[in-house]
N, C-alpha and C. Protein backbone atom coordinates (compact mmCIF):
# COMPACT_ATOMS: atom_id res chain seq x y z
N MET A 1 -6.37 10.69 35.14
CA MET A 1 -6.18 11.73 34.18
C MET A 1 -7.49 12.49 33.99
N ILE A 2 -7.43 13.81 34.05
CA ILE A 2 -8.62 14.63 33.92
C ILE A 2 -8.77 15.02 32.46
N VAL A 3 -9.94 14.75 31.93
CA VAL A 3 -10.24 15.07 30.54
C VAL A 3 -11.12 16.30 30.52
N GLY A 4 -10.76 17.29 29.71
CA GLY A 4 -11.55 18.51 29.61
C GLY A 4 -12.87 18.25 28.91
N LEU A 5 -13.92 18.87 29.40
CA LEU A 5 -15.24 18.72 28.80
C LEU A 5 -15.55 19.95 27.97
N SER A 6 -16.18 19.73 26.86
CA SER A 6 -16.63 20.82 26.02
C SER A 6 -18.15 20.84 26.02
N LEU A 7 -18.74 22.04 25.95
CA LEU A 7 -20.19 22.12 25.88
C LEU A 7 -20.72 21.49 24.60
N PHE A 8 -19.89 21.46 23.55
CA PHE A 8 -20.32 20.85 22.30
C PHE A 8 -20.40 19.33 22.43
N ALA A 9 -19.59 18.74 23.30
CA ALA A 9 -19.56 17.29 23.46
C ALA A 9 -20.67 16.78 24.38
N LEU A 10 -21.21 17.66 25.21
CA LEU A 10 -22.25 17.24 26.14
C LEU A 10 -23.59 17.10 25.43
N GLN A 11 -24.38 16.15 25.89
CA GLN A 11 -25.71 15.93 25.32
C GLN A 11 -26.74 16.87 25.93
N LYS A 12 -26.49 17.32 27.17
CA LYS A 12 -27.45 18.18 27.87
C LYS A 12 -26.69 19.29 28.58
N ALA A 13 -27.44 20.24 29.09
CA ALA A 13 -26.85 21.33 29.86
C ALA A 13 -26.28 20.77 31.16
N PRO A 14 -25.11 21.22 31.59
CA PRO A 14 -24.50 20.67 32.81
C PRO A 14 -25.14 21.23 34.08
N LEU A 15 -26.33 20.74 34.39
CA LEU A 15 -27.03 21.13 35.62
C LEU A 15 -26.85 20.03 36.64
N ASN A 16 -26.57 20.40 37.89
CA ASN A 16 -26.31 19.37 38.89
C ASN A 16 -27.57 18.65 39.34
N SER A 17 -28.74 19.12 38.94
CA SER A 17 -29.98 18.43 39.30
C SER A 17 -30.40 17.42 38.23
N ASP A 18 -29.58 17.20 37.23
CA ASP A 18 -29.87 16.24 36.17
C ASP A 18 -29.25 14.90 36.53
N ILE A 19 -30.07 13.87 36.69
CA ILE A 19 -29.56 12.57 37.15
C ILE A 19 -28.83 11.80 36.07
N GLN A 20 -29.00 12.16 34.80
CA GLN A 20 -28.38 11.40 33.72
C GLN A 20 -26.86 11.55 33.72
N PHE A 21 -26.33 12.63 34.27
CA PHE A 21 -24.88 12.78 34.34
C PHE A 21 -24.25 11.81 35.33
N LEU A 22 -25.05 11.33 36.29
CA LEU A 22 -24.53 10.41 37.28
C LEU A 22 -24.79 8.96 36.93
N GLY A 23 -25.46 8.72 35.83
CA GLY A 23 -25.74 7.35 35.41
C GLY A 23 -27.01 6.79 36.01
N LEU A 24 -27.80 7.61 36.69
CA LEU A 24 -29.08 7.15 37.23
C LEU A 24 -30.13 7.24 36.14
N ARG A 25 -31.05 6.30 36.14
CA ARG A 25 -32.04 6.25 35.06
C ARG A 25 -33.44 6.66 35.50
N SER A 26 -33.76 6.59 36.77
CA SER A 26 -35.13 6.80 37.22
C SER A 26 -35.18 7.82 38.35
N LEU A 27 -36.30 8.51 38.44
CA LEU A 27 -36.51 9.44 39.55
C LEU A 27 -37.05 8.73 40.79
N MET A 28 -37.16 7.44 40.74
CA MET A 28 -37.59 6.67 41.90
C MET A 28 -36.37 6.33 42.76
N GLY A 29 -36.53 6.35 44.05
CA GLY A 29 -35.46 5.96 44.95
C GLY A 29 -34.35 6.98 45.04
N VAL A 30 -33.13 6.56 44.79
CA VAL A 30 -31.95 7.41 44.94
C VAL A 30 -31.99 8.59 43.96
N GLY A 31 -32.45 8.38 42.74
CA GLY A 31 -32.51 9.45 41.76
C GLY A 31 -33.42 10.58 42.19
N GLY A 32 -34.59 10.25 42.70
CA GLY A 32 -35.53 11.26 43.17
C GLY A 32 -35.02 12.00 44.38
N ALA A 33 -34.40 11.27 45.30
CA ALA A 33 -33.84 11.91 46.48
C ALA A 33 -32.71 12.86 46.10
N TYR A 34 -31.89 12.45 45.14
CA TYR A 34 -30.79 13.31 44.69
C TYR A 34 -31.33 14.59 44.06
N VAL A 35 -32.35 14.48 43.20
CA VAL A 35 -32.92 15.66 42.54
C VAL A 35 -33.51 16.62 43.56
N LEU A 36 -34.28 16.12 44.51
CA LEU A 36 -34.87 16.99 45.53
C LEU A 36 -33.80 17.64 46.40
N LEU A 37 -32.78 16.90 46.74
CA LEU A 37 -31.68 17.46 47.53
C LEU A 37 -30.96 18.56 46.74
N MET A 38 -30.74 18.34 45.46
CA MET A 38 -30.07 19.36 44.64
C MET A 38 -30.94 20.60 44.47
N TYR A 39 -32.26 20.43 44.34
CA TYR A 39 -33.14 21.60 44.27
C TYR A 39 -33.03 22.43 45.54
N PHE A 40 -33.04 21.77 46.68
CA PHE A 40 -32.93 22.48 47.96
C PHE A 40 -31.58 23.17 48.08
N ILE A 41 -30.50 22.47 47.74
CA ILE A 41 -29.16 23.06 47.84
C ILE A 41 -29.00 24.20 46.84
N ASN A 42 -29.52 24.05 45.62
CA ASN A 42 -29.40 25.10 44.61
C ASN A 42 -30.12 26.38 45.04
N VAL A 43 -31.31 26.26 45.60
CA VAL A 43 -32.03 27.44 46.07
C VAL A 43 -31.27 28.09 47.23
N SER A 44 -30.68 27.27 48.09
CA SER A 44 -29.88 27.81 49.20
C SER A 44 -28.63 28.52 48.70
N VAL A 45 -27.98 27.96 47.69
CA VAL A 45 -26.79 28.59 47.12
C VAL A 45 -27.17 29.90 46.43
N LEU A 46 -28.29 29.91 45.72
CA LEU A 46 -28.73 31.15 45.09
C LEU A 46 -29.03 32.22 46.14
N ARG A 47 -29.62 31.83 47.24
CA ARG A 47 -29.88 32.77 48.33
C ARG A 47 -28.57 33.30 48.90
N LEU A 48 -27.62 32.45 49.10
CA LEU A 48 -26.31 32.87 49.61
C LEU A 48 -25.61 33.82 48.64
N LEU A 49 -25.66 33.51 47.35
CA LEU A 49 -25.03 34.39 46.35
C LEU A 49 -25.71 35.76 46.30
N CYS A 50 -27.04 35.78 46.37
CA CYS A 50 -27.75 37.06 46.38
C CYS A 50 -27.42 37.85 47.64
N HIS A 51 -27.25 37.17 48.75
CA HIS A 51 -26.90 37.85 49.99
C HIS A 51 -25.49 38.43 49.93
N ILE A 52 -24.56 37.69 49.32
CA ILE A 52 -23.17 38.15 49.25
C ILE A 52 -23.01 39.25 48.20
N ILE A 53 -23.53 39.02 47.00
CA ILE A 53 -23.30 39.97 45.90
C ILE A 53 -24.18 41.20 46.02
N ALA A 54 -25.45 41.02 46.39
CA ALA A 54 -26.37 42.15 46.52
C ALA A 54 -26.69 42.35 47.99
N TRP A 55 -25.72 42.77 48.73
CA TRP A 55 -25.81 42.89 50.19
C TRP A 55 -26.99 43.78 50.59
N GLY A 56 -27.99 43.20 51.26
CA GLY A 56 -29.11 43.95 51.79
C GLY A 56 -30.13 44.41 50.78
N GLN A 57 -30.05 43.97 49.53
CA GLN A 57 -30.99 44.42 48.50
C GLN A 57 -32.08 43.39 48.19
N THR A 58 -31.96 42.18 48.72
CA THR A 58 -32.93 41.14 48.41
C THR A 58 -33.57 40.63 49.69
N GLU A 59 -34.77 40.09 49.53
CA GLU A 59 -35.46 39.46 50.65
C GLU A 59 -35.51 37.96 50.40
N LEU A 60 -35.69 37.22 51.48
CA LEU A 60 -35.68 35.76 51.40
C LEU A 60 -36.77 35.24 50.47
N ARG A 61 -37.98 35.74 50.59
CA ARG A 61 -39.08 35.20 49.78
C ARG A 61 -38.87 35.46 48.29
N GLU A 62 -38.27 36.60 47.95
CA GLU A 62 -38.00 36.90 46.54
C GLU A 62 -36.98 35.93 45.96
N VAL A 63 -35.93 35.68 46.72
CA VAL A 63 -34.86 34.81 46.22
C VAL A 63 -35.31 33.36 46.16
N VAL A 64 -36.09 32.91 47.14
CA VAL A 64 -36.58 31.53 47.11
C VAL A 64 -37.51 31.34 45.91
N PHE A 65 -38.40 32.30 45.68
CA PHE A 65 -39.28 32.21 44.51
C PHE A 65 -38.48 32.23 43.22
N ALA A 66 -37.47 33.10 43.13
CA ALA A 66 -36.61 33.15 41.95
C ALA A 66 -35.85 31.84 41.77
N GLY A 67 -35.39 31.24 42.85
CA GLY A 67 -34.66 29.98 42.77
C GLY A 67 -35.53 28.84 42.30
N VAL A 68 -36.74 28.74 42.84
CA VAL A 68 -37.65 27.67 42.42
C VAL A 68 -38.05 27.86 40.96
N LEU A 69 -38.37 29.09 40.57
CA LEU A 69 -38.74 29.37 39.19
C LEU A 69 -37.56 29.11 38.25
N SER A 70 -36.36 29.43 38.68
CA SER A 70 -35.17 29.17 37.88
C SER A 70 -34.95 27.68 37.68
N GLU A 71 -35.15 26.89 38.72
CA GLU A 71 -34.99 25.43 38.59
C GLU A 71 -36.03 24.84 37.65
N ILE A 72 -37.28 25.30 37.75
CA ILE A 72 -38.34 24.79 36.87
C ILE A 72 -38.05 25.17 35.41
N CYS A 73 -37.71 26.43 35.18
CA CYS A 73 -37.40 26.88 33.82
C CYS A 73 -36.15 26.19 33.28
N GLY A 74 -35.15 25.98 34.13
CA GLY A 74 -33.94 25.28 33.70
C GLY A 74 -34.23 23.86 33.26
N PHE A 75 -35.09 23.18 33.98
CA PHE A 75 -35.46 21.82 33.61
C PHE A 75 -36.20 21.80 32.28
N ILE A 76 -37.16 22.70 32.11
CA ILE A 76 -37.95 22.74 30.88
C ILE A 76 -37.08 23.10 29.68
N ILE A 77 -36.24 24.10 29.82
CA ILE A 77 -35.39 24.52 28.70
C ILE A 77 -34.36 23.44 28.38
N SER A 78 -33.79 22.81 29.40
CA SER A 78 -32.81 21.76 29.16
C SER A 78 -33.43 20.58 28.42
N GLU A 79 -34.60 20.18 28.84
CA GLU A 79 -35.26 19.05 28.17
C GLU A 79 -35.71 19.41 26.76
N GLY A 80 -36.13 20.66 26.57
CA GLY A 80 -36.64 21.05 25.27
C GLY A 80 -35.57 21.36 24.24
N LEU A 81 -34.48 21.98 24.65
CA LEU A 81 -33.47 22.41 23.69
C LEU A 81 -32.26 21.48 23.57
N SER A 82 -32.09 20.57 24.50
CA SER A 82 -30.88 19.74 24.50
C SER A 82 -30.77 18.87 23.26
N ARG A 83 -31.87 18.43 22.73
CA ARG A 83 -31.79 17.58 21.54
C ARG A 83 -31.35 18.36 20.31
N TYR A 84 -31.47 19.69 20.36
CA TYR A 84 -31.09 20.52 19.21
C TYR A 84 -29.70 21.13 19.37
N ILE A 85 -29.40 21.66 20.56
CA ILE A 85 -28.12 22.35 20.72
C ILE A 85 -27.24 21.73 21.80
N GLY A 86 -27.65 20.63 22.38
CA GLY A 86 -26.82 19.91 23.34
C GLY A 86 -26.48 20.71 24.57
N GLY A 87 -25.20 20.72 24.92
CA GLY A 87 -24.74 21.39 26.13
C GLY A 87 -24.84 22.89 26.07
N LEU A 88 -24.97 23.43 24.87
CA LEU A 88 -25.13 24.88 24.74
C LEU A 88 -26.48 25.37 25.25
N SER A 89 -27.36 24.46 25.62
CA SER A 89 -28.65 24.89 26.18
C SER A 89 -28.47 25.55 27.54
N ILE A 90 -27.25 25.52 28.09
CA ILE A 90 -26.99 26.24 29.33
C ILE A 90 -27.08 27.75 29.11
N LEU A 91 -26.82 28.22 27.90
CA LEU A 91 -26.85 29.66 27.63
C LEU A 91 -28.25 30.25 27.75
N PRO A 92 -29.30 29.67 27.13
CA PRO A 92 -30.64 30.21 27.37
C PRO A 92 -31.09 30.05 28.81
N ILE A 93 -30.66 28.98 29.46
CA ILE A 93 -31.00 28.79 30.88
C ILE A 93 -30.37 29.89 31.71
N TYR A 94 -29.13 30.24 31.40
CA TYR A 94 -28.44 31.32 32.10
C TYR A 94 -29.16 32.65 31.89
N VAL A 95 -29.55 32.94 30.67
CA VAL A 95 -30.24 34.20 30.37
C VAL A 95 -31.58 34.28 31.11
N VAL A 96 -32.33 33.19 31.11
CA VAL A 96 -33.62 33.18 31.81
C VAL A 96 -33.40 33.37 33.31
N THR A 97 -32.39 32.73 33.87
CA THR A 97 -32.11 32.90 35.29
C THR A 97 -31.72 34.33 35.62
N VAL A 98 -30.91 34.95 34.79
CA VAL A 98 -30.52 36.34 35.01
C VAL A 98 -31.74 37.25 34.98
N VAL A 99 -32.62 37.04 34.02
CA VAL A 99 -33.83 37.87 33.93
C VAL A 99 -34.74 37.63 35.13
N ILE A 100 -34.89 36.38 35.55
CA ILE A 100 -35.74 36.08 36.70
C ILE A 100 -35.20 36.75 37.96
N VAL A 101 -33.90 36.62 38.20
CA VAL A 101 -33.30 37.24 39.39
C VAL A 101 -33.39 38.76 39.29
N MET A 102 -33.17 39.30 38.11
CA MET A 102 -33.21 40.76 37.93
C MET A 102 -34.61 41.30 38.20
N VAL A 103 -35.64 40.65 37.68
CA VAL A 103 -37.00 41.15 37.82
C VAL A 103 -37.56 40.89 39.22
N LEU A 104 -37.43 39.67 39.71
CA LEU A 104 -38.04 39.33 41.00
C LEU A 104 -37.32 39.94 42.19
N CYS A 105 -36.00 40.04 42.10
CA CYS A 105 -35.24 40.58 43.23
C CYS A 105 -34.90 42.05 43.06
N ASP A 106 -35.31 42.65 41.93
CA ASP A 106 -35.10 44.06 41.66
C ASP A 106 -33.61 44.44 41.76
N LEU A 107 -32.78 43.68 41.01
CA LEU A 107 -31.34 43.93 40.97
C LEU A 107 -30.94 44.47 39.61
N SER A 108 -29.75 45.02 39.54
CA SER A 108 -29.24 45.51 38.26
C SER A 108 -28.82 44.32 37.38
N VAL A 109 -28.64 44.62 36.11
CA VAL A 109 -28.25 43.57 35.16
C VAL A 109 -26.88 43.01 35.52
N SER A 110 -25.96 43.87 35.91
CA SER A 110 -24.60 43.40 36.21
C SER A 110 -24.57 42.49 37.44
N LYS A 111 -25.32 42.84 38.48
CA LYS A 111 -25.36 41.98 39.66
C LYS A 111 -26.07 40.67 39.37
N SER A 112 -27.15 40.72 38.60
CA SER A 112 -27.86 39.50 38.25
C SER A 112 -27.00 38.60 37.37
N ALA A 113 -26.26 39.20 36.44
CA ALA A 113 -25.38 38.41 35.57
C ALA A 113 -24.27 37.75 36.37
N LEU A 114 -23.72 38.47 37.33
CA LEU A 114 -22.67 37.89 38.17
C LEU A 114 -23.21 36.76 39.04
N ILE A 115 -24.39 36.95 39.60
CA ILE A 115 -25.03 35.90 40.40
C ILE A 115 -25.27 34.67 39.54
N GLY A 116 -25.80 34.86 38.32
CA GLY A 116 -26.05 33.73 37.42
C GLY A 116 -24.78 33.02 37.01
N LEU A 117 -23.73 33.78 36.75
CA LEU A 117 -22.46 33.19 36.34
C LEU A 117 -21.86 32.32 37.45
N VAL A 118 -21.83 32.84 38.65
CA VAL A 118 -21.28 32.07 39.77
C VAL A 118 -22.18 30.88 40.09
N TYR A 119 -23.49 31.05 39.95
CA TYR A 119 -24.45 29.99 40.23
C TYR A 119 -24.25 28.80 39.30
N TYR A 120 -24.10 29.05 38.01
CA TYR A 120 -23.92 27.93 37.07
C TYR A 120 -22.49 27.41 37.06
N ALA A 121 -21.54 28.22 37.45
CA ALA A 121 -20.17 27.71 37.64
C ALA A 121 -20.14 26.74 38.82
N TYR A 122 -20.88 27.08 39.88
CA TYR A 122 -20.99 26.17 41.03
C TYR A 122 -21.61 24.85 40.59
N GLN A 123 -22.67 24.89 39.77
CA GLN A 123 -23.33 23.65 39.35
C GLN A 123 -22.40 22.79 38.50
N ALA A 124 -21.66 23.41 37.60
CA ALA A 124 -20.72 22.64 36.77
C ALA A 124 -19.59 22.06 37.62
N ALA A 125 -19.10 22.83 38.58
CA ALA A 125 -18.04 22.32 39.47
C ALA A 125 -18.56 21.18 40.32
N TRP A 126 -19.78 21.27 40.80
CA TRP A 126 -20.39 20.20 41.60
C TRP A 126 -20.45 18.92 40.77
N LEU A 127 -20.91 19.01 39.52
CA LEU A 127 -20.98 17.83 38.65
C LEU A 127 -19.61 17.24 38.40
N PHE A 128 -18.64 18.09 38.13
CA PHE A 128 -17.28 17.64 37.85
C PHE A 128 -16.70 16.89 39.05
N LEU A 129 -16.83 17.47 40.24
CA LEU A 129 -16.29 16.82 41.45
C LEU A 129 -17.03 15.52 41.77
N LEU A 130 -18.34 15.52 41.60
CA LEU A 130 -19.10 14.31 41.90
C LEU A 130 -18.76 13.19 40.93
N LYS A 131 -18.58 13.54 39.64
CA LYS A 131 -18.19 12.51 38.67
C LYS A 131 -16.79 11.96 38.99
N MET A 132 -15.88 12.83 39.45
CA MET A 132 -14.55 12.35 39.81
C MET A 132 -14.61 11.44 41.02
N LEU A 133 -15.42 11.81 42.01
CA LEU A 133 -15.54 10.97 43.20
C LEU A 133 -16.17 9.62 42.87
N LEU A 134 -17.20 9.61 42.04
CA LEU A 134 -17.88 8.35 41.71
C LEU A 134 -17.05 7.46 40.80
N SER A 135 -16.18 8.06 39.98
CA SER A 135 -15.37 7.25 39.08
C SER A 135 -14.08 6.74 39.76
N GLY A 136 -13.77 7.29 40.90
CA GLY A 136 -12.55 6.86 41.60
C GLY A 136 -11.30 7.52 41.09
N ALA A 137 -11.43 8.61 40.34
CA ALA A 137 -10.27 9.30 39.79
C ALA A 137 -9.74 10.36 40.74
N TRP A 138 -10.21 10.38 41.94
CA TRP A 138 -9.81 11.38 42.91
C TRP A 138 -8.45 11.10 43.37
């Protein structure tokens, strides 16, 4: 049975690079490898989204820098605000990512907002599917 998740019920922002959603406690071993793999995949997905949505308007170095900066800012904001607003800390992370992509890649607000929306929808879907696979509810 699939139970709907609410942002109010979550303790942290639903980022797929957060090991606490998977029940891992340490960045040593499997936890660290998972985080590094997710950072690499997230930057690649952001590059793919910028290539699809903003066809020919972005360069690789701009998007990679925006992706790395977005991951660092997402981690800092999630750790800093999660104790106060819980899962709703995804909203400031989304806004910061939109601004980073808009400024560094020189895109319009609407394209940056669409890229950010699809990017964080992908991360939430990744977490949801991985939790289903690990729990055996598939």
